[in-house]
Amino acid sequence: MADKIPSGRMIRAARGLLGMEQRDLASEAGVDRRTIARLEAETDPSSNPLRVWTYEQVRDVLKKRGIIFLYPTKSHGEGVAMKN
């Protein structure tokens, strides 16, 4: 099963946990810094294939740095955590 797409808030929170600037995340993901700003501002991830690819690139960079994405369930909302 493919990984889910994190929300903009989750991306912003993950960056915060890592102490990472938008420009650093953008560089590692191979996108422009303004793209990261747009992703973080979105309230609902797009179904546009290019946008989905961008979210996946950003998600994968953050996961490699130790971020765990916590997707909403019936018992809790969305969030992020760092691996031990």
PDB file of N, CA and C in Angstrom:
ATOM      1  N   MET A   1       0.841  -1.185   0.000  1.00  0.00           N
ATOM      2  CA  MET A   1       0.000   0.000   0.000  1.00  0.00           C
ATOM      3  C   MET A   1       0.881   1.241   0.000  1.00  0.00           C
ATOM      4  N   ALA A   2       0.556   2.208  -0.819  1.00  0.00           N
ATOM      5  CA  ALA A   2       1.330   3.446  -0.892  1.00  0.00           C
ATOM      6  C   ALA A   2       1.123   4.275   0.370  1.00  0.00           C
ATOM      7  N   ASP A   3       2.154   5.017   0.722  1.00  0.00           N
ATOM      8  CA  ASP A   3       2.038   5.915   1.864  1.00  0.00           C
ATOM      9  C   ASP A   3       1.037   7.014   1.575  1.00  0.00           C
ATOM     10  N   LYS A   4       0.413   7.504   2.625  1.00  0.00           N
ATOM     11  CA  LYS A   4      -0.528   8.608   2.485  1.00  0.00           C
ATOM     12  C   LYS A   4       0.222   9.912   2.256  1.00  0.00           C
ATOM     13  N   ILE A   5      -0.509  10.918   1.859  1.00  0.00           N
ATOM     14  CA  ILE A   5       0.043  12.240   1.627  1.00  0.00           C
ATOM     15  C   ILE A   5      -0.178  13.078   2.889  1.00  0.00           C
ATOM     16  N   PRO A   6       0.884  13.666   3.453  1.00  0.00           N
ATOM     17  CA  PRO A   6       0.710  14.500   4.649  1.00  0.00           C
ATOM     18  C   PRO A   6       0.072  15.842   4.292  1.00  0.00           C
ATOM     19  N   SER A   7      -0.605  16.415   5.259  1.00  0.00           N
ATOM     20  CA  SER A   7      -1.192  17.743   5.059  1.00  0.00           C
ATOM     21  C   SER A   7      -0.092  18.799   5.147  1.00  0.00           C
ATOM     22  N   GLY A   8      -0.439  19.996   4.725  1.00  0.00           N
ATOM     23  CA  GLY A   8       0.500  21.104   4.835  1.00  0.00           C
ATOM     24  C   GLY A   8       0.900  21.362   6.277  1.00  0.00           C
ATOM     25  N   ARG A   9      -0.055  21.248   7.193  1.00  0.00           N
ATOM     26  CA  ARG A   9       0.251  21.447   8.615  1.00  0.00           C
ATOM     27  C   ARG A   9       1.228  20.403   9.119  1.00  0.00           C
ATOM     28  N   MET A  10       1.091  19.179   8.644  1.00  0.00           N
ATOM     29  CA  MET A  10       2.004  18.118   9.060  1.00  0.00           C
ATOM     30  C   MET A  10       3.420  18.384   8.531  1.00  0.00           C
ATOM     31  N   ILE A  11       3.508  18.871   7.303  1.00  0.00           N
ATOM     32  CA  ILE A  11       4.818  19.191   6.729  1.00  0.00           C
ATOM     33  C   ILE A  11       5.475  20.306   7.533  1.00  0.00           C
ATOM     34  N   ARG A  12       4.720  21.347   7.835  1.00  0.00           N
ATOM     35  CA  ARG A  12       5.240  22.473   8.610  1.00  0.00           C
ATOM     36  C   ARG A  12       5.680  22.017  10.004  1.00  0.00           C
ATOM     37  N   ALA A  13       4.874  21.164  10.643  1.00  0.00           N
ATOM     38  CA  ALA A  13       5.223  20.664  11.975  1.00  0.00           C
ATOM     39  C   ALA A  13       6.480  19.793  11.924  1.00  0.00           C
ATOM     40  N   ALA A  14       6.593  18.984  10.889  1.00  0.00           N
ATOM     41  CA  ALA A  14       7.773  18.124  10.746  1.00  0.00           C
ATOM     42  C   ALA A  14       9.033  18.966  10.579  1.00  0.00           C
ATOM     43  N   ARG A  15       8.943  19.995   9.772  1.00  0.00           N
ATOM     44  CA  ARG A  15      10.072  20.910   9.598  1.00  0.00           C
ATOM     45  C   ARG A  15      10.464  21.529  10.923  1.00  0.00           C
ATOM     46  N   GLY A  16       9.446  21.913  11.703  1.00  0.00           N
ATOM     47  CA  GLY A  16       9.689  22.514  13.017  1.00  0.00           C
ATOM     48  C   GLY A  16      10.418  21.561  13.945  1.00  0.00           C
ATOM     49  N   LEU A  17       9.990  20.304  13.972  1.00  0.00           N
ATOM     50  CA  LEU A  17      10.662  19.307  14.819  1.00  0.00           C
ATOM     51  C   LEU A  17      12.126  19.129  14.429  1.00  0.00           C
ATOM     52  N   LEU A  18      12.378  19.217  13.140  1.00  0.00           N
ATOM     53  CA  LEU A  18      13.738  19.036  12.635  1.00  0.00           C
ATOM     54  C   LEU A  18      14.566  20.310  12.670  1.00  0.00           C
ATOM     55  N   GLY A  19      13.926  21.455  12.946  1.00  0.00           N
ATOM     56  CA  GLY A  19      14.630  22.731  12.902  1.00  0.00           C
ATOM     57  C   GLY A  19      15.094  23.058  11.490  1.00  0.00           C
ATOM     58  N   MET A  20      14.273  22.720  10.535  1.00  0.00           N
ATOM     59  CA  MET A  20      14.625  22.821   9.123  1.00  0.00           C
ATOM     60  C   MET A  20      13.920  24.010   8.478  1.00  0.00           C
ATOM     61  N   GLU A  21      14.647  24.785   7.690  1.00  0.00           N
ATOM     62  CA  GLU A  21      14.077  25.911   6.954  1.00  0.00           C
ATOM     63  C   GLU A  21      13.396  25.412   5.679  1.00  0.00           C
ATOM     64  N   GLN A  22      12.447  26.192   5.169  1.00  0.00           N
ATOM     65  CA  GLN A  22      11.771  25.839   3.924  1.00  0.00           C
ATOM     66  C   GLN A  22      12.772  25.650   2.790  1.00  0.00           C
ATOM     67  N   ARG A  23      13.763  26.514   2.707  1.00  0.00           N
ATOM     68  CA  ARG A  23      14.732  26.429   1.602  1.00  0.00           C
ATOM     69  C   ARG A  23      15.533  25.127   1.664  1.00  0.00           C
ATOM     70  N   ASP A  24      15.821  24.636   2.879  1.00  0.00           N
ATOM     71  CA  ASP A  24      16.573  23.388   3.019  1.00  0.00           C
ATOM     72  C   ASP A  24      15.731  22.189   2.585  1.00  0.00           C
ATOM     73  N   LEU A  25      14.475  22.179   3.001  1.00  0.00           N
ATOM     74  CA  LEU A  25      13.566  21.106   2.590  1.00  0.00           C
ATOM     75  C   LEU A  25      13.375  21.131   1.081  1.00  0.00           C
ATOM     76  N   ALA A  26      13.195  22.325   0.536  1.00  0.00           N
ATOM     77  CA  ALA A  26      13.008  22.466  -0.903  1.00  0.00           C
ATOM     78  C   ALA A  26      14.217  21.923  -1.662  1.00  0.00           C
ATOM     79  N   SER A  27      15.396  22.260  -1.202  1.00  0.00           N
ATOM     80  CA  SER A  27      16.621  21.811  -1.863  1.00  0.00           C
ATOM     81  C   SER A  27      16.724  20.285  -1.857  1.00  0.00           C
ATOM     82  N   GLU A  28      16.454  19.682  -0.717  1.00  0.00           N
ATOM     83  CA  GLU A  28      16.533  18.219  -0.620  1.00  0.00           C
ATOM     84  C   GLU A  28      15.457  17.521  -1.441  1.00  0.00           C
ATOM     85  N   ALA A  29      14.287  18.158  -1.555  1.00  0.00           N
ATOM     86  CA  ALA A  29      13.174  17.554  -2.307  1.00  0.00           C
ATOM     87  C   ALA A  29      13.254  17.876  -3.796  1.00  0.00           C
ATOM     88  N   GLY A  30      14.139  18.773  -4.175  1.00  0.00           N
ATOM     89  CA  GLY A  30      14.281  19.125  -5.583  1.00  0.00           C
ATOM     90  C   GLY A  30      13.188  20.041  -6.105  1.00  0.00           C
ATOM     91  N   VAL A  31      12.683  20.908  -5.227  1.00  0.00           N
ATOM     92  CA  VAL A  31      11.641  21.857  -5.622  1.00  0.00           C
ATOM     93  C   VAL A  31      12.042  23.258  -5.167  1.00  0.00           C
ATOM     94  N   ASP A  32      11.276  24.250  -5.592  1.00  0.00           N
ATOM     95  CA  ASP A  32      11.516  25.627  -5.205  1.00  0.00           C
ATOM     96  C   ASP A  32      10.989  25.887  -3.792  1.00  0.00           C
ATOM     97  N   ARG A  33      11.604  26.813  -3.064  1.00  0.00           N
ATOM     98  CA  ARG A  33      11.156  27.149  -1.719  1.00  0.00           C
ATOM     99  C   ARG A  33       9.696  27.610  -1.713  1.00  0.00           C
ATOM    100  N   ARG A  34       9.292  28.334  -2.751  1.00  0.00           N
ATOM    101  CA  ARG A  34       7.900  28.798  -2.827  1.00  0.00           C
ATOM    102  C   ARG A  34       6.929  27.624  -2.918  1.00  0.00           C
ATOM    103  N   THR A  35       7.368  26.517  -3.485  1.00  0.00           N
ATOM    104  CA  THR A  35       6.519  25.324  -3.561  1.00  0.00           C
ATOM    105  C   THR A  35       6.258  24.781  -2.161  1.00  0.00           C
ATOM    106  N   ILE A  36       7.294  24.759  -1.330  1.00  0.00           N
ATOM    107  CA  ILE A  36       7.110  24.306   0.062  1.00  0.00           C
ATOM    108  C   ILE A  36       6.135  25.228   0.777  1.00  0.00           C
ATOM    109  N   ALA A  37       6.280  26.529   0.594  1.00  0.00           N
ATOM    110  CA  ALA A  37       5.363  27.483   1.226  1.00  0.00           C
ATOM    111  C   ALA A  37       3.927  27.226   0.784  1.00  0.00           C
ATOM    112  N   ARG A  38       3.724  26.954  -0.506  1.00  0.00           N
ATOM    113  CA  ARG A  38       2.365  26.679  -1.014  1.00  0.00           C
ATOM    114  C   ARG A  38       1.813  25.386  -0.422  1.00  0.00           C
ATOM    115  N   LEU A  39       2.646  24.332  -0.366  1.00  0.00           N
ATOM    116  CA  LEU A  39       2.182  23.064   0.207  1.00  0.00           C
ATOM    117  C   LEU A  39       1.752  23.258   1.655  1.00  0.00           C
ATOM    118  N   GLU A  40       2.565  23.993   2.414  1.00  0.00           N
ATOM    119  CA  GLU A  40       2.258  24.202   3.833  1.00  0.00           C
ATOM    120  C   GLU A  40       0.994  25.033   4.031  1.00  0.00           C
ATOM    121  N   ALA A  41       0.669  25.884   3.067  1.00  0.00           N
ATOM    122  CA  ALA A  41      -0.519  26.735   3.173  1.00  0.00           C
ATOM    123  C   ALA A  41      -1.796  26.026   2.735  1.00  0.00           C
ATOM    124  N   GLU A  42      -1.666  24.944   1.974  1.00  0.00           N
ATOM    125  CA  GLU A  42      -2.851  24.230   1.487  1.00  0.00           C
ATOM    126  C   GLU A  42      -3.564  23.529   2.630  1.00  0.00           C
ATOM    127  N   THR A  43      -4.880  23.558   2.586  1.00  0.00           N
ATOM    128  CA  THR A  43      -5.664  22.874   3.607  1.00  0.00           C
ATOM    129  C   THR A  43      -6.089  21.481   3.175  1.00  0.00           C
ATOM    130  N   ASP A  44      -6.055  21.210   1.874  1.00  0.00           N
ATOM    131  CA  ASP A  44      -6.459  19.908   1.364  1.00  0.00           C
ATOM    132  C   ASP A  44      -5.522  19.530   0.207  1.00  0.00           C
ATOM    133  N   PRO A  45      -4.729  18.455   0.351  1.00  0.00           N
ATOM    134  CA  PRO A  45      -3.818  18.077  -0.731  1.00  0.00           C
ATOM    135  C   PRO A  45      -4.559  17.861  -2.054  1.00  0.00           C
ATOM    136  N   SER A  46      -3.952  18.347  -3.112  1.00  0.00           N
ATOM    137  CA  SER A  46      -4.526  18.257  -4.452  1.00  0.00           C
ATOM    138  C   SER A  46      -4.428  16.834  -4.998  1.00  0.00           C
ATOM    139  N   SER A  47      -5.288  16.530  -5.953  1.00  0.00           N
ATOM    140  CA  SER A  47      -5.202  15.234  -6.630  1.00  0.00           C
ATOM    141  C   SER A  47      -4.448  15.357  -7.944  1.00  0.00           C
ATOM    142  N   ASN A  48      -3.961  16.566  -8.260  1.00  0.00           N
ATOM    143  CA  ASN A  48      -3.163  16.801  -9.464  1.00  0.00           C
ATOM    144  C   ASN A  48      -1.909  15.927  -9.383  1.00  0.00           C
ATOM    145  N   PRO A  49      -1.628  15.107 -10.411  1.00  0.00           N
ATOM    146  CA  PRO A  49      -0.484  14.183 -10.350  1.00  0.00           C
ATOM    147  C   PRO A  49       0.859  14.846 -10.051  1.00  0.00           C
ATOM    148  N   LEU A  50       1.111  16.024 -10.600  1.00  0.00           N
ATOM    149  CA  LEU A  50       2.371  16.707 -10.317  1.00  0.00           C
ATOM    150  C   LEU A  50       2.425  17.156  -8.865  1.00  0.00           C
ATOM    151  N   ARG A  51       1.316  17.653  -8.350  1.00  0.00           N
ATOM    152  CA  ARG A  51       1.266  18.089  -6.946  1.00  0.00           C
ATOM    153  C   ARG A  51       1.419  16.890  -6.020  1.00  0.00           C
ATOM    154  N   VAL A  52       0.783  15.770  -6.348  1.00  0.00           N
ATOM    155  CA  VAL A  52       0.919  14.555  -5.537  1.00  0.00           C
ATOM    156  C   VAL A  52       2.386  14.110  -5.520  1.00  0.00           C
ATOM    157  N   TRP A  53       3.040  14.137  -6.676  1.00  0.00           N
ATOM    158  CA  TRP A  53       4.462  13.783  -6.753  1.00  0.00           C
ATOM    159  C   TRP A  53       5.287  14.677  -5.829  1.00  0.00           C
ATOM    160  N   THR A  54       4.974  15.977  -5.817  1.00  0.00           N
ATOM    161  CA  THR A  54       5.706  16.926  -4.982  1.00  0.00           C
ATOM    162  C   THR A  54       5.508  16.601  -3.510  1.00  0.00           C
ATOM    163  N   TYR A  55       4.266  16.344  -3.099  1.00  0.00           N
ATOM    164  CA  TYR A  55       4.001  15.943  -1.719  1.00  0.00           C
ATOM    165  C   TYR A  55       4.789  14.678  -1.368  1.00  0.00           C
ATOM    166  N   GLU A  56       4.824  13.722  -2.271  1.00  0.00           N
ATOM    167  CA  GLU A  56       5.553  12.475  -2.023  1.00  0.00           C
ATOM    168  C   GLU A  56       7.047  12.730  -1.857  1.00  0.00           C
ATOM    169  N   GLN A  57       7.613  13.599  -2.682  1.00  0.00           N
ATOM    170  CA  GLN A  57       9.037  13.936  -2.568  1.00  0.00           C
ATOM    171  C   GLN A  57       9.332  14.547  -1.203  1.00  0.00           C
ATOM    172  N   VAL A  58       8.498  15.501  -0.800  1.00  0.00           N
ATOM    173  CA  VAL A  58       8.678  16.182   0.482  1.00  0.00           C
ATOM    174  C   VAL A  58       8.500  15.182   1.627  1.00  0.00           C
ATOM    175  N   ARG A  59       7.457  14.373   1.567  1.00  0.00           N
ATOM    176  CA  ARG A  59       7.205  13.362   2.598  1.00  0.00           C
ATOM    177  C   ARG A  59       8.399  12.431   2.746  1.00  0.00           C
ATOM    178  N   ASP A  60       8.940  11.976   1.620  1.00  0.00           N
ATOM    179  CA  ASP A  60      10.045  11.024   1.658  1.00  0.00           C
ATOM    180  C   ASP A  60      11.309  11.636   2.257  1.00  0.00           C
ATOM    181  N   VAL A  61      11.577  12.905   1.971  1.00  0.00           N
ATOM    182  CA  VAL A  61      12.728  13.589   2.571  1.00  0.00           C
ATOM    183  C   VAL A  61      12.557  13.640   4.087  1.00  0.00           C
ATOM    184  N   LEU A  62      11.374  14.023   4.531  1.00  0.00           N
ATOM    185  CA  LEU A  62      11.130  14.142   5.967  1.00  0.00           C
ATOM    186  C   LEU A  62      11.195  12.775   6.660  1.00  0.00           C
ATOM    187  N   LYS A  63      10.668  11.741   6.006  1.00  0.00           N
ATOM    188  CA  LYS A  63      10.738  10.392   6.585  1.00  0.00           C
ATOM    189  C   LYS A  63      12.181   9.918   6.706  1.00  0.00           C
ATOM    190  N   LYS A  64      13.019  10.229   5.715  1.00  0.00           N
ATOM    191  CA  LYS A  64      14.428   9.842   5.784  1.00  0.00           C
ATOM    192  C   LYS A  64      15.143  10.534   6.937  1.00  0.00           C
ATOM    193  N   ARG A  65      14.643  11.688   7.319  1.00  0.00           N
ATOM    194  CA  ARG A  65      15.234  12.424   8.431  1.00  0.00           C
ATOM    195  C   ARG A  65      14.656  11.996   9.781  1.00  0.00           C
ATOM    196  N   GLY A  66      13.772  11.001   9.776  1.00  0.00           N
ATOM    197  CA  GLY A  66      13.274  10.440  11.026  1.00  0.00           C
ATOM    198  C   GLY A  66      11.886  10.856  11.446  1.00  0.00           C
ATOM    199  N   ILE A  67      11.141  11.478  10.556  1.00  0.00           N
ATOM    200  CA  ILE A  67       9.778  11.907  10.888  1.00  0.00           C
ATOM    201  C   ILE A  67       8.799  10.756  10.664  1.00  0.00           C
ATOM    202  N   ILE A  68       7.884  10.611  11.593  1.00  0.00           N
ATOM    203  CA  ILE A  68       6.770   9.670  11.475  1.00  0.00           C
ATOM    204  C   ILE A  68       5.507  10.509  11.361  1.00  0.00           C
ATOM    205  N   PHE A  69       4.731  10.283  10.317  1.00  0.00           N
ATOM    206  CA  PHE A  69       3.483  11.004  10.127  1.00  0.00           C
ATOM    207  C   PHE A  69       2.357  10.228  10.793  1.00  0.00           C
ATOM    208  N   LEU A  70       1.579  10.923  11.611  1.00  0.00           N
ATOM    209  CA  LEU A  70       0.447  10.327  12.312  1.00  0.00           C
ATOM    210  C   LEU A  70      -0.830  10.859  11.669  1.00  0.00           C
ATOM    211  N   TYR A  71      -1.466  10.001  10.890  1.00  0.00           N
ATOM    212  CA  TYR A  71      -2.661  10.412  10.159  1.00  0.00           C
ATOM    213  C   TYR A  71      -3.885  10.288  11.061  1.00  0.00           C
ATOM    214  N   PRO A  72      -4.887  11.136  10.869  1.00  0.00           N
ATOM    215  CA  PRO A  72      -6.061  11.139  11.740  1.00  0.00           C
ATOM    216  C   PRO A  72      -6.799   9.795  11.746  1.00  0.00           C
ATOM    217  N   THR A  73      -7.254   9.431  12.908  1.00  0.00           N
ATOM    218  CA  THR A  73      -8.104   8.250  13.090  1.00  0.00           C
ATOM    219  C   THR A  73      -9.308   8.677  13.931  1.00  0.00           C
ATOM    220  N   LYS A  74     -10.132   7.726  14.285  1.00  0.00           N
ATOM    221  CA  LYS A  74     -11.277   8.036  15.146  1.00  0.00           C
ATOM    222  C   LYS A  74     -10.836   8.456  16.537  1.00  0.00           C
ATOM    223  N   SER A  75      -9.645   8.025  16.959  1.00  0.00           N
ATOM    224  CA  SER A  75      -9.213   8.314  18.331  1.00  0.00           C
ATOM    225  C   SER A  75      -8.256   9.504  18.458  1.00  0.00           C
ATOM    226  N   HIS A  76      -7.689   9.994  17.343  1.00  0.00           N
ATOM    227  CA  HIS A  76      -6.787  11.141  17.443  1.00  0.00           C
ATOM    228  C   HIS A  76      -6.698  11.880  16.107  1.00  0.00           C
ATOM    229  N   GLY A  77      -6.244  13.101  16.191  1.00  0.00           N
ATOM    230  CA  GLY A  77      -6.062  13.922  15.000  1.00  0.00           C
ATOM    231  C   GLY A  77      -4.708  13.678  14.369  1.00  0.00           C
ATOM    232  N   GLU A  78      -4.371  14.509  13.375  1.00  0.00           N
ATOM    233  CA  GLU A  78      -3.106  14.364  12.692  1.00  0.00           C
ATOM    234  C   GLU A  78      -1.958  14.918  13.537  1.00  0.00           C
ATOM    235  N   GLY A  79      -0.771  14.438  13.223  1.00  0.00           N
ATOM    236  CA  GLY A  79       0.401  14.924  13.924  1.00  0.00           C
ATOM    237  C   GLY A  79       1.673  14.340  13.328  1.00  0.00           C
ATOM    238  N   VAL A  80       2.780  14.687  13.953  1.00  0.00           N
ATOM    239  CA  VAL A  80       4.079  14.155  13.546  1.00  0.00           C
ATOM    240  C   VAL A  80       4.872  13.825  14.788  1.00  0.00           C
ATOM    241  N   ALA A  81       5.792  12.909  14.648  1.00  0.00           N
ATOM    242  CA  ALA A  81       6.689  12.531  15.733  1.00  0.00           C
ATOM    243  C   ALA A  81       8.030  12.167  15.127  1.00  0.00           C
ATOM    244  N   MET A  82       9.042  12.090  15.980  1.00  0.00           N
ATOM    245  CA  MET A  82      10.361  11.676  15.516  1.00  0.00           C
ATOM    246  C   MET A  82      10.620  10.259  16.002  1.00  0.00           C
ATOM    247  N   LYS A  83      11.309   9.484  15.137  1.00  0.00           N
ATOM    248  CA  LYS A  83      11.713   8.142  15.549  1.00  0.00           C
ATOM    249  C   LYS A  83      12.680   8.251  16.705  1.00  0.00           C
ATOM    250  N   ASN A  84      12.702   7.224  17.524  1.00  0.00           N
ATOM    251  CA  ASN A  84      13.648   7.202  18.653  1.00  0.00           C
ATOM    252  C   ASN A  84      15.064   7.079  18.171  1.00  0.00           C
TER     253      ASN A  84
END
